[in-house]
Amino acid sequence: MNFLVKNEALKILNDLRASVQKEGYIIIEVFTKNDPSFISDNKFNSYFAEQELLNLFSGYKLIYYLENIISDPGHPGFSNPHKHGVARIIIQKPLNELVGQGVDN
């Protein structure tokens, strides 16, 4: 999700809601606006507001949720240690999801 424009990321989240089986699990990690690389007029990456990811899946059974600044030891393309603002969620689709819920894009 991090390297997609926001509308594309939201479309994928909507598609995920529609395609996961009832009682199926969804695991997602996104960058938040607390990420040091966040720039408000960034048109190339998606950053999520505080609790936005949690709110997008309201009505789902919450298994795990974390919003925090994490340390990243480095990776290909950026080998120096750095930090990221992330939201991580594990949810389970309910047996009977209400029609009309979803992500607005």
PDB file of N, CA and C in Angstrom:
ATOM      1  N   MET A   1       0.800  -1.188   0.000  1.00  0.00           N
ATOM      2  CA  MET A   1       0.000   0.000   0.000  1.00  0.00           C
ATOM      3  C   MET A   1       0.851   1.265   0.000  1.00  0.00           C
ATOM      4  N   ASN A   2       2.027   1.179   0.580  1.00  0.00           N
ATOM      5  CA  ASN A   2       2.841   2.370   0.811  1.00  0.00           C
ATOM      6  C   ASN A   2       3.258   3.082  -0.463  1.00  0.00           C
ATOM      7  N   PHE A   3       3.448   2.341  -1.526  1.00  0.00           N
ATOM      8  CA  PHE A   3       4.005   2.935  -2.736  1.00  0.00           C
ATOM      9  C   PHE A   3       2.964   3.078  -3.847  1.00  0.00           C
ATOM     10  N   LEU A   4       1.719   3.154  -3.455  1.00  0.00           N
ATOM     11  CA  LEU A   4       0.615   3.410  -4.377  1.00  0.00           C
ATOM     12  C   LEU A   4       0.027   4.775  -4.047  1.00  0.00           C
ATOM     13  N   VAL A   5      -0.567   5.422  -5.040  1.00  0.00           N
ATOM     14  CA  VAL A   5      -1.290   6.655  -4.730  1.00  0.00           C
ATOM     15  C   VAL A   5      -2.502   6.267  -3.887  1.00  0.00           C
ATOM     16  N   LYS A   6      -2.984   7.181  -3.084  1.00  0.00           N
ATOM     17  CA  LYS A   6      -4.015   6.871  -2.087  1.00  0.00           C
ATOM     18  C   LYS A   6      -5.267   6.265  -2.711  1.00  0.00           C
ATOM     19  N   ASN A   7      -5.747   6.800  -3.830  1.00  0.00           N
ATOM     20  CA  ASN A   7      -6.955   6.242  -4.453  1.00  0.00           C
ATOM     21  C   ASN A   7      -6.769   4.788  -4.859  1.00  0.00           C
ATOM     22  N   GLU A   8      -5.578   4.431  -5.347  1.00  0.00           N
ATOM     23  CA  GLU A   8      -5.300   3.039  -5.712  1.00  0.00           C
ATOM     24  C   GLU A   8      -5.267   2.161  -4.472  1.00  0.00           C
ATOM     25  N   ALA A   9      -4.652   2.651  -3.403  1.00  0.00           N
ATOM     26  CA  ALA A   9      -4.591   1.888  -2.156  1.00  0.00           C
ATOM     27  C   ALA A   9      -6.000   1.650  -1.610  1.00  0.00           C
ATOM     28  N   LEU A  10      -6.843   2.676  -1.633  1.00  0.00           N
ATOM     29  CA  LEU A  10      -8.212   2.530  -1.140  1.00  0.00           C
ATOM     30  C   LEU A  10      -9.025   1.572  -2.006  1.00  0.00           C
ATOM     31  N   LYS A  11      -8.788   1.578  -3.321  1.00  0.00           N
ATOM     32  CA  LYS A  11      -9.477   0.633  -4.206  1.00  0.00           C
ATOM     33  C   LYS A  11      -9.083  -0.804  -3.864  1.00  0.00           C
ATOM     34  N   ILE A  12      -7.804  -1.023  -3.618  1.00  0.00           N
ATOM     35  CA  ILE A  12      -7.343  -2.364  -3.250  1.00  0.00           C
ATOM     36  C   ILE A  12      -7.981  -2.802  -1.935  1.00  0.00           C
ATOM     37  N   LEU A  13      -8.071  -1.893  -0.972  1.00  0.00           N
ATOM     38  CA  LEU A  13      -8.706  -2.235   0.300  1.00  0.00           C
ATOM     39  C   LEU A  13     -10.179  -2.585   0.097  1.00  0.00           C
ATOM     40  N   ASN A  14     -10.871  -1.858  -0.758  1.00  0.00           N
ATOM     41  CA  ASN A  14     -12.269  -2.196  -1.084  1.00  0.00           C
ATOM     42  C   ASN A  14     -12.361  -3.560  -1.746  1.00  0.00           C
ATOM     43  N   ASP A  15     -11.474  -3.824  -2.700  1.00  0.00           N
ATOM     44  CA  ASP A  15     -11.454  -5.120  -3.381  1.00  0.00           C
ATOM     45  C   ASP A  15     -11.168  -6.248  -2.392  1.00  0.00           C
ATOM     46  N   LEU A  16     -10.283  -5.985  -1.453  1.00  0.00           N
ATOM     47  CA  LEU A  16      -9.945  -6.974  -0.426  1.00  0.00           C
ATOM     48  C   LEU A  16     -11.170  -7.284   0.432  1.00  0.00           C
ATOM     49  N   ARG A  17     -11.875  -6.256   0.835  1.00  0.00           N
ATOM     50  CA  ARG A  17     -13.105  -6.452   1.624  1.00  0.00           C
ATOM     51  C   ARG A  17     -14.085  -7.342   0.866  1.00  0.00           C
ATOM     52  N   ALA A  18     -14.223  -7.091  -0.437  1.00  0.00           N
ATOM     53  CA  ALA A  18     -15.198  -7.825  -1.247  1.00  0.00           C
ATOM     54  C   ALA A  18     -14.765  -9.265  -1.515  1.00  0.00           C
ATOM     55  N   SER A  19     -13.474  -9.503  -1.616  1.00  0.00           N
ATOM     56  CA  SER A  19     -13.011 -10.815  -2.068  1.00  0.00           C
ATOM     57  C   SER A  19     -12.652 -11.789  -0.951  1.00  0.00           C
ATOM     58  N   VAL A  20     -12.361 -11.298   0.233  1.00  0.00           N
ATOM     59  CA  VAL A  20     -12.001 -12.231   1.301  1.00  0.00           C
ATOM     60  C   VAL A  20     -13.255 -13.003   1.726  1.00  0.00           C
ATOM     61  N   GLN A  21     -13.080 -14.287   1.980  1.00  0.00           N
ATOM     62  CA  GLN A  21     -14.208 -15.129   2.361  1.00  0.00           C
ATOM     63  C   GLN A  21     -14.716 -14.748   3.743  1.00  0.00           C
ATOM     64  N   LYS A  22     -15.983 -15.040   4.003  1.00  0.00           N
ATOM     65  CA  LYS A  22     -16.538 -14.832   5.338  1.00  0.00           C
ATOM     66  C   LYS A  22     -15.701 -15.610   6.342  1.00  0.00           C
ATOM     67  N   GLU A  23     -15.377 -14.971   7.440  1.00  0.00           N
ATOM     68  CA  GLU A  23     -14.522 -15.486   8.507  1.00  0.00           C
ATOM     69  C   GLU A  23     -13.064 -15.636   8.060  1.00  0.00           C
ATOM     70  N   GLY A  24     -12.725 -15.078   6.889  1.00  0.00           N
ATOM     71  CA  GLY A  24     -11.344 -15.062   6.432  1.00  0.00           C
ATOM     72  C   GLY A  24     -10.576 -13.937   7.109  1.00  0.00           C
ATOM     73  N   TYR A  25      -9.268 -14.023   7.065  1.00  0.00           N
ATOM     74  CA  TYR A  25      -8.398 -13.057   7.732  1.00  0.00           C
ATOM     75  C   TYR A  25      -7.750 -12.112   6.728  1.00  0.00           C
ATOM     76  N   ILE A  26      -7.518 -10.893   7.177  1.00  0.00           N
ATOM     77  CA  ILE A  26      -6.807  -9.889   6.396  1.00  0.00           C
ATOM     78  C   ILE A  26      -5.681  -9.354   7.269  1.00  0.00           C
ATOM     79  N   ILE A  27      -4.489  -9.269   6.699  1.00  0.00           N
ATOM     80  CA  ILE A  27      -3.318  -8.730   7.396  1.00  0.00           C
ATOM     81  C   ILE A  27      -2.763  -7.600   6.544  1.00  0.00           C
ATOM     82  N   ILE A  28      -2.636  -6.418   7.138  1.00  0.00           N
ATOM     83  CA  ILE A  28      -2.194  -5.239   6.390  1.00  0.00           C
ATOM     84  C   ILE A  28      -1.212  -4.436   7.228  1.00  0.00           C
ATOM     85  N   GLU A  29      -0.216  -3.872   6.552  1.00  0.00           N
ATOM     86  CA  GLU A  29       0.662  -2.875   7.167  1.00  0.00           C
ATOM     87  C   GLU A  29       0.741  -1.689   6.216  1.00  0.00           C
ATOM     88  N   VAL A  30       0.588  -0.488   6.764  1.00  0.00           N
ATOM     89  CA  VAL A  30       0.680   0.737   5.967  1.00  0.00           C
ATOM     90  C   VAL A  30       1.552   1.749   6.694  1.00  0.00           C
ATOM     91  N   PHE A  31       2.081   2.703   5.935  1.00  0.00           N
ATOM     92  CA  PHE A  31       2.753   3.850   6.547  1.00  0.00           C
ATOM     93  C   PHE A  31       1.688   4.810   7.063  1.00  0.00           C
ATOM     94  N   THR A  32       2.000   5.480   8.167  1.00  0.00           N
ATOM     95  CA  THR A  32       1.100   6.494   8.705  1.00  0.00           C
ATOM     96  C   THR A  32       1.695   7.879   8.471  1.00  0.00           C
ATOM     97  N   LYS A  33       0.892   8.874   8.744  1.00  0.00           N
ATOM     98  CA  LYS A  33       1.357  10.255   8.608  1.00  0.00           C
ATOM     99  C   LYS A  33       2.400  10.608   9.663  1.00  0.00           C
ATOM    100  N   ASN A  34       2.658   9.705  10.604  1.00  0.00           N
ATOM    101  CA  ASN A  34       3.736   9.891  11.577  1.00  0.00           C
ATOM    102  C   ASN A  34       5.081   9.418  11.037  1.00  0.00           C
ATOM    103  N   ASP A  35       5.092   8.880   9.823  1.00  0.00           N
ATOM    104  CA  ASP A  35       6.341   8.438   9.207  1.00  0.00           C
ATOM    105  C   ASP A  35       7.218   9.657   8.925  1.00  0.00           C
ATOM    106  N   PRO A  36       8.519   9.571   9.255  1.00  0.00           N
ATOM    107  CA  PRO A  36       9.408  10.709   8.991  1.00  0.00           C
ATOM    108  C   PRO A  36       9.449  11.141   7.526  1.00  0.00           C
ATOM    109  N   SER A  37       9.103  10.255   6.599  1.00  0.00           N
ATOM    110  CA  SER A  37       9.133  10.617   5.176  1.00  0.00           C
ATOM    111  C   SER A  37       7.831  11.261   4.698  1.00  0.00           C
ATOM    112  N   PHE A  38       6.850  11.403   5.587  1.00  0.00           N
ATOM    113  CA  PHE A  38       5.559  11.967   5.180  1.00  0.00           C
ATOM    114  C   PHE A  38       5.694  13.427   4.764  1.00  0.00           C
ATOM    115  N   ILE A  39       5.142  13.732   3.591  1.00  0.00           N
ATOM    116  CA  ILE A  39       5.030  15.099   3.086  1.00  0.00           C
ATOM    117  C   ILE A  39       3.564  15.262   2.692  1.00  0.00           C
ATOM    118  N   SER A  40       2.911  16.298   3.190  1.00  0.00           N
ATOM    119  CA  SER A  40       1.458  16.412   3.023  1.00  0.00           C
ATOM    120  C   SER A  40       1.003  16.456   1.566  1.00  0.00           C
ATOM    121  N   ASP A  41       1.799  17.007   0.675  1.00  0.00           N
ATOM    122  CA  ASP A  41       1.368  17.071  -0.728  1.00  0.00           C
ATOM    123  C   ASP A  41       1.986  15.971  -1.593  1.00  0.00           C
ATOM    124  N   ASN A  42       2.430  14.874  -0.958  1.00  0.00           N
ATOM    125  CA  ASN A  42       3.004  13.745  -1.680  1.00  0.00           C
ATOM    126  C   ASN A  42       1.912  13.073  -2.503  1.00  0.00           C
ATOM    127  N   LYS A  43       2.110  12.982  -3.805  1.00  0.00           N
ATOM    128  CA  LYS A  43       1.109  12.393  -4.684  1.00  0.00           C
ATOM    129  C   LYS A  43       1.498  10.989  -5.155  1.00  0.00           C
ATOM    130  N   PHE A  44       2.607  10.459  -4.629  1.00  0.00           N
ATOM    131  CA  PHE A  44       3.107   9.181  -5.124  1.00  0.00           C
ATOM    132  C   PHE A  44       3.038   8.053  -4.107  1.00  0.00           C
ATOM    133  N   ASN A  45       2.879   8.358  -2.841  1.00  0.00           N
ATOM    134  CA  ASN A  45       2.830   7.339  -1.799  1.00  0.00           C
ATOM    135  C   ASN A  45       1.577   7.535  -0.958  1.00  0.00           C
ATOM    136  N   SER A  46       1.145   6.457  -0.308  1.00  0.00           N
ATOM    137  CA  SER A  46      -0.023   6.522   0.568  1.00  0.00           C
ATOM    138  C   SER A  46       0.418   6.564   2.017  1.00  0.00           C
ATOM    139  N   TYR A  47      -0.118   7.499   2.744  1.00  0.00           N
ATOM    140  CA  TYR A  47       0.085   7.584   4.188  1.00  0.00           C
ATOM    141  C   TYR A  47      -1.296   7.669   4.819  1.00  0.00           C
ATOM    142  N   PHE A  48      -1.498   6.940   5.890  1.00  0.00           N
ATOM    143  CA  PHE A  48      -2.799   6.867   6.522  1.00  0.00           C
ATOM    144  C   PHE A  48      -2.815   7.678   7.812  1.00  0.00           C
ATOM    145  N   ALA A  49      -3.950   8.322   8.070  1.00  0.00           N
ATOM    146  CA  ALA A  49      -4.125   9.122   9.280  1.00  0.00           C
ATOM    147  C   ALA A  49      -4.263   8.200  10.494  1.00  0.00           C
ATOM    148  N   GLU A  50      -4.153   8.801  11.667  1.00  0.00           N
ATOM    149  CA  GLU A  50      -4.281   8.047  12.908  1.00  0.00           C
ATOM    150  C   GLU A  50      -5.620   7.302  12.927  1.00  0.00           C
ATOM    151  N   GLN A  51      -5.572   6.020  13.161  1.00  0.00           N
ATOM    152  CA  GLN A  51      -6.709   5.092  13.243  1.00  0.00           C
ATOM    153  C   GLN A  51      -7.517   4.967  11.944  1.00  0.00           C
ATOM    154  N   GLU A  52      -7.016   5.505  10.841  1.00  0.00           N
ATOM    155  CA  GLU A  52      -7.743   5.396   9.572  1.00  0.00           C
ATOM    156  C   GLU A  52      -7.901   3.944   9.141  1.00  0.00           C
ATOM    157  N   LEU A  53      -6.826   3.168   9.218  1.00  0.00           N
ATOM    158  CA  LEU A  53      -6.890   1.761   8.821  1.00  0.00           C
ATOM    159  C   LEU A  53      -7.872   1.006   9.718  1.00  0.00           C
ATOM    160  N   LEU A  54      -7.824   1.278  10.997  1.00  0.00           N
ATOM    161  CA  LEU A  54      -8.744   0.647  11.946  1.00  0.00           C
ATOM    162  C   LEU A  54     -10.194   0.981  11.589  1.00  0.00           C
ATOM    163  N   ASN A  55     -10.455   2.232  11.277  1.00  0.00           N
ATOM    164  CA  ASN A  55     -11.816   2.662  10.941  1.00  0.00           C
ATOM    165  C   ASN A  55     -12.306   2.080   9.617  1.00  0.00           C
ATOM    166  N   LEU A  56     -11.391   1.850   8.680  1.00  0.00           N
ATOM    167  CA  LEU A  56     -11.785   1.289   7.384  1.00  0.00           C
ATOM    168  C   LEU A  56     -12.356  -0.114   7.518  1.00  0.00           C
ATOM    169  N   PHE A  57     -11.975  -0.800   8.586  1.00  0.00           N
ATOM    170  CA  PHE A  57     -12.432  -2.173   8.787  1.00  0.00           C
ATOM    171  C   PHE A  57     -13.302  -2.300  10.032  1.00  0.00           C
ATOM    172  N   SER A  58     -14.018  -1.222  10.363  1.00  0.00           N
ATOM    173  CA  SER A  58     -14.952  -1.311  11.487  1.00  0.00           C
ATOM    174  C   SER A  58     -15.995  -2.372  11.154  1.00  0.00           C
ATOM    175  N   GLY A  59     -16.413  -3.095  12.145  1.00  0.00           N
ATOM    176  CA  GLY A  59     -17.353  -4.190  11.928  1.00  0.00           C
ATOM    177  C   GLY A  59     -16.673  -5.533  11.757  1.00  0.00           C
ATOM    178  N   TYR A  60     -15.368  -5.521  11.536  1.00  0.00           N
ATOM    179  CA  TYR A  60     -14.605  -6.761  11.456  1.00  0.00           C
ATOM    180  C   TYR A  60     -14.110  -7.124  12.858  1.00  0.00           C
ATOM    181  N   LYS A  61     -13.869  -8.403  13.095  1.00  0.00           N
ATOM    182  CA  LYS A  61     -13.317  -8.829  14.381  1.00  0.00           C
ATOM    183  C   LYS A  61     -11.847  -8.428  14.415  1.00  0.00           C
ATOM    184  N   LEU A  62     -11.487  -7.626  15.394  1.00  0.00           N
ATOM    185  CA  LEU A  62     -10.114  -7.154  15.521  1.00  0.00           C
ATOM    186  C   LEU A  62      -9.288  -8.204  16.254  1.00  0.00           C
ATOM    187  N   ILE A  63      -8.245  -8.694  15.599  1.00  0.00           N
ATOM    188  CA  ILE A  63      -7.340  -9.667  16.196  1.00  0.00           C
ATOM    189  C   ILE A  63      -6.117  -8.946  16.765  1.00  0.00           C
ATOM    190  N   TYR A  64      -5.600  -7.976  16.001  1.00  0.00           N
ATOM    191  CA  TYR A  64      -4.386  -7.262  16.411  1.00  0.00           C
ATOM    192  C   TYR A  64      -4.373  -5.903  15.736  1.00  0.00           C
ATOM    193  N   TYR A  65      -3.940  -4.888  16.498  1.00  0.00           N
ATOM    194  CA  TYR A  65      -3.759  -3.562  15.909  1.00  0.00           C
ATOM    195  C   TYR A  65      -2.609  -2.864  16.609  1.00  0.00           C
ATOM    196  N   LEU A  66      -1.747  -2.239  15.810  1.00  0.00           N
ATOM    197  CA  LEU A  66      -0.621  -1.469  16.339  1.00  0.00           C
ATOM    198  C   LEU A  66      -0.435  -0.244  15.467  1.00  0.00           C
ATOM    199  N   GLU A  67      -0.266   0.874  16.111  1.00  0.00           N
ATOM    200  CA  GLU A  67       0.145   2.103  15.436  1.00  0.00           C
ATOM    201  C   GLU A  67       1.331   2.615  16.218  1.00  0.00           C
ATOM    202  N   ASN A  68       2.477   2.744  15.547  1.00  0.00           N
ATOM    203  CA  ASN A  68       3.683   3.104  16.276  1.00  0.00           C
ATOM    204  C   ASN A  68       4.764   3.563  15.303  1.00  0.00           C
ATOM    205  N   ILE A  69       5.824   4.092  15.880  1.00  0.00           N
ATOM    206  CA  ILE A  69       7.049   4.369  15.134  1.00  0.00           C
ATOM    207  C   ILE A  69       7.962   3.172  15.372  1.00  0.00           C
ATOM    208  N   ILE A  70       8.412   2.542  14.294  1.00  0.00           N
ATOM    209  CA  ILE A  70       9.267   1.364  14.422  1.00  0.00           C
ATOM    210  C   ILE A  70      10.648   1.650  13.845  1.00  0.00           C
ATOM    211  N   SER A  71      11.628   0.923  14.338  1.00  0.00           N
ATOM    212  CA  SER A  71      12.992   1.010  13.808  1.00  0.00           C
ATOM    213  C   SER A  71      13.142   0.030  12.665  1.00  0.00           C
ATOM    214  N   ASP A  72      13.753   0.474  11.592  1.00  0.00           N
ATOM    215  CA  ASP A  72      14.034  -0.355  10.426  1.00  0.00           C
ATOM    216  C   ASP A  72      15.547  -0.411  10.291  1.00  0.00           C
ATOM    217  N   PRO A  73      16.144  -1.601  10.362  1.00  0.00           N
ATOM    218  CA  PRO A  73      17.605  -1.695  10.306  1.00  0.00           C
ATOM    219  C   PRO A  73      18.193  -1.369   8.936  1.00  0.00           C
ATOM    220  N   GLY A  74      17.344  -1.201   7.942  1.00  0.00           N
ATOM    221  CA  GLY A  74      17.795  -0.941   6.575  1.00  0.00           C
ATOM    222  C   GLY A  74      17.313  -2.036   5.649  1.00  0.00           C
ATOM    223  N   HIS A  75      17.309  -1.727   4.365  1.00  0.00           N
ATOM    224  CA  HIS A  75      16.820  -2.675   3.367  1.00  0.00           C
ATOM    225  C   HIS A  75      17.372  -2.265   2.011  1.00  0.00           C
ATOM    226  N   PRO A  76      17.237  -3.117   0.985  1.00  0.00           N
ATOM    227  CA  PRO A  76      17.711  -2.729  -0.344  1.00  0.00           C
ATOM    228  C   PRO A  76      17.095  -1.400  -0.769  1.00  0.00           C
ATOM    229  N   GLY A  77      17.924  -0.518  -1.237  1.00  0.00           N
ATOM    230  CA  GLY A  77      17.469   0.800  -1.644  1.00  0.00           C
ATOM    231  C   GLY A  77      17.657   1.857  -0.578  1.00  0.00           C
ATOM    232  N   PHE A  78      17.766   1.435   0.683  1.00  0.00           N
ATOM    233  CA  PHE A  78      18.018   2.362   1.786  1.00  0.00           C
ATOM    234  C   PHE A  78      18.632   1.562   2.921  1.00  0.00           C
ATOM    235  N   SER A  79      19.952   1.388   2.860  1.00  0.00           N
ATOM    236  CA  SER A  79      20.626   0.465   3.772  1.00  0.00           C
ATOM    237  C   SER A  79      20.872   1.030   5.164  1.00  0.00           C
ATOM    238  N   ASN A  80      20.747   2.335   5.348  1.00  0.00           N
ATOM    239  CA  ASN A  80      20.973   2.919   6.673  1.00  0.00           C
ATOM    240  C   ASN A  80      19.782   2.663   7.592  1.00  0.00           C
ATOM    241  N   PRO A  81      20.050   2.467   8.884  1.00  0.00           N
ATOM    242  CA  PRO A  81      18.940   2.341   9.839  1.00  0.00           C
ATOM    243  C   PRO A  81      18.084   3.614   9.822  1.00  0.00           C
ATOM    244  N   HIS A  82      16.778   3.435   9.955  1.00  0.00           N
ATOM    245  CA  HIS A  82      15.854   4.565   9.955  1.00  0.00           C
ATOM    246  C   HIS A  82      14.560   4.152  10.647  1.00  0.00           C
ATOM    247  N   LYS A  83      13.603   5.038  10.686  1.00  0.00           N
ATOM    248  CA  LYS A  83      12.334   4.765  11.365  1.00  0.00           C
ATOM    249  C   LYS A  83      11.168   4.931  10.393  1.00  0.00           C
ATOM    250  N   HIS A  84      10.072   4.240  10.718  1.00  0.00           N
ATOM    251  CA  HIS A  84       8.837   4.349   9.949  1.00  0.00           C
ATOM    252  C   HIS A  84       7.662   4.474  10.909  1.00  0.00           C
ATOM    253  N   GLY A  85       6.693   5.289  10.531  1.00  0.00           N
ATOM    254  CA  GLY A  85       5.406   5.299  11.219  1.00  0.00           C
ATOM    255  C   GLY A  85       4.522   4.283  10.523  1.00  0.00           C
ATOM    256  N   VAL A  86       4.039   3.301  11.272  1.00  0.00           N
ATOM    257  CA  VAL A  86       3.250   2.233  10.662  1.00  0.00           C
ATOM    258  C   VAL A  86       1.954   1.989  11.427  1.00  0.00           C
ATOM    259  N   ALA A  87       0.999   1.438  10.721  1.00  0.00           N
ATOM    260  CA  ALA A  87      -0.200   0.851  11.311  1.00  0.00           C
ATOM    261  C   ALA A  87      -0.244  -0.585  10.805  1.00  0.00           C
ATOM    262  N   ARG A  88      -0.436  -1.506  11.727  1.00  0.00           N
ATOM    263  CA  ARG A  88      -0.531  -2.928  11.384  1.00  0.00           C
ATOM    264  C   ARG A  88      -1.854  -3.446  11.925  1.00  0.00           C
ATOM    265  N   ILE A  89      -2.529  -4.231  11.112  1.00  0.00           N
ATOM    266  CA  ILE A  89      -3.826  -4.750  11.543  1.00  0.00           C
ATOM    267  C   ILE A  89      -4.001  -6.190  11.077  1.00  0.00           C
ATOM    268  N   ILE A  90      -4.610  -6.990  11.933  1.00  0.00           N
ATOM    269  CA  ILE A  90      -5.081  -8.331  11.578  1.00  0.00           C
ATOM    270  C   ILE A  90      -6.551  -8.350  11.975  1.00  0.00           C
ATOM    271  N   ILE A  91      -7.406  -8.625  11.008  1.00  0.00           N
ATOM    272  CA  ILE A  91      -8.837  -8.656  11.256  1.00  0.00           C
ATOM    273  C   ILE A  91      -9.437  -9.891  10.620  1.00  0.00           C
ATOM    274  N   GLN A  92     -10.620 -10.232  11.097  1.00  0.00           N
ATOM    275  CA  GLN A  92     -11.364 -11.356  10.532  1.00  0.00           C
ATOM    276  C   GLN A  92     -12.697 -10.838  10.014  1.00  0.00           C
ATOM    277  N   LYS A  93     -13.005 -11.202   8.774  1.00  0.00           N
ATOM    278  CA  LYS A  93     -14.277 -10.786   8.177  1.00  0.00           C
ATOM    279  C   LYS A  93     -15.419 -11.486   8.911  1.00  0.00           C
ATOM    280  N   PRO A  94     -16.446 -10.728   9.274  1.00  0.00           N
ATOM    281  CA  PRO A  94     -17.567 -11.358   9.981  1.00  0.00           C
ATOM    282  C   PRO A  94     -18.363 -12.281   9.060  1.00  0.00           C
ATOM    283  N   LEU A  95     -19.104 -13.159   9.686  1.00  0.00           N
ATOM    284  CA  LEU A  95     -19.943 -14.086   8.933  1.00  0.00           C
ATOM    285  C   LEU A  95     -20.997 -13.328   8.123  1.00  0.00           C
ATOM    286  N   ASN A  96     -21.509 -12.248   8.696  1.00  0.00           N
ATOM    287  CA  ASN A  96     -22.534 -11.449   8.013  1.00  0.00           C
ATOM    288  C   ASN A  96     -22.114  -9.991   8.002  1.00  0.00           C
ATOM    289  N   GLU A  97     -21.374  -9.581   6.973  1.00  0.00           N
ATOM    290  CA  GLU A  97     -20.964  -8.180   6.851  1.00  0.00           C
ATOM    291  C   GLU A  97     -22.135  -7.369   6.329  1.00  0.00           C
ATOM    292  N   LEU A  98     -22.351  -6.200   6.918  1.00  0.00           N
ATOM    293  CA  LEU A  98     -23.428  -5.323   6.466  1.00  0.00           C
ATOM    294  C   LEU A  98     -23.103  -4.763   5.090  1.00  0.00           C
ATOM    295  N   VAL A  99     -24.064  -4.737   4.203  1.00  0.00           N
ATOM    296  CA  VAL A  99     -23.890  -4.168   2.868  1.00  0.00           C
ATOM    297  C   VAL A  99     -23.724  -2.664   3.009  1.00  0.00           C
ATOM    298  N   GLY A 100     -22.843  -2.090   2.202  1.00  0.00           N
ATOM    299  CA  GLY A 100     -22.647  -0.646   2.218  1.00  0.00           C
ATOM    300  C   GLY A 100     -21.427  -0.216   2.993  1.00  0.00           C
ATOM    301  N   GLN A 101     -20.868  -1.103   3.822  1.00  0.00           N
ATOM    302  CA  GLN A 101     -19.634  -0.745   4.496  1.00  0.00           C
ATOM    303  C   GLN A 101     -18.518  -0.813   3.482  1.00  0.00           C
ATOM    304  N   GLY A 102     -17.473  -0.086   3.739  1.00  0.00           N
ATOM    305  CA  GLY A 102     -16.341  -0.133   2.835  1.00  0.00           C
ATOM    306  C   GLY A 102     -15.574   1.151   2.867  1.00  0.00           C
ATOM    307  N   VAL A 103     -14.655   1.253   1.955  1.00  0.00           N
ATOM    308  CA  VAL A 103     -13.743   2.373   1.881  1.00  0.00           C
ATOM    309  C   VAL A 103     -14.253   3.340   0.828  1.00  0.00           C
ATOM    310  N   ASP A 104     -14.374   4.588   1.189  1.00  0.00           N
ATOM    311  CA  ASP A 104     -14.746   5.607   0.206  1.00  0.00           C
ATOM    312  C   ASP A 104     -13.514   6.015  -0.572  1.00  0.00           C
ATOM    313  N   ASN A 105     -13.605   6.065  -1.883  1.00  0.00           N
ATOM    314  CA  ASN A 105     -12.465   6.540  -2.679  1.00  0.00           C
ATOM    315  C   ASN A 105     -12.897   7.541  -3.691  1.00  0.00           C
TER     316      ASN A 105
END
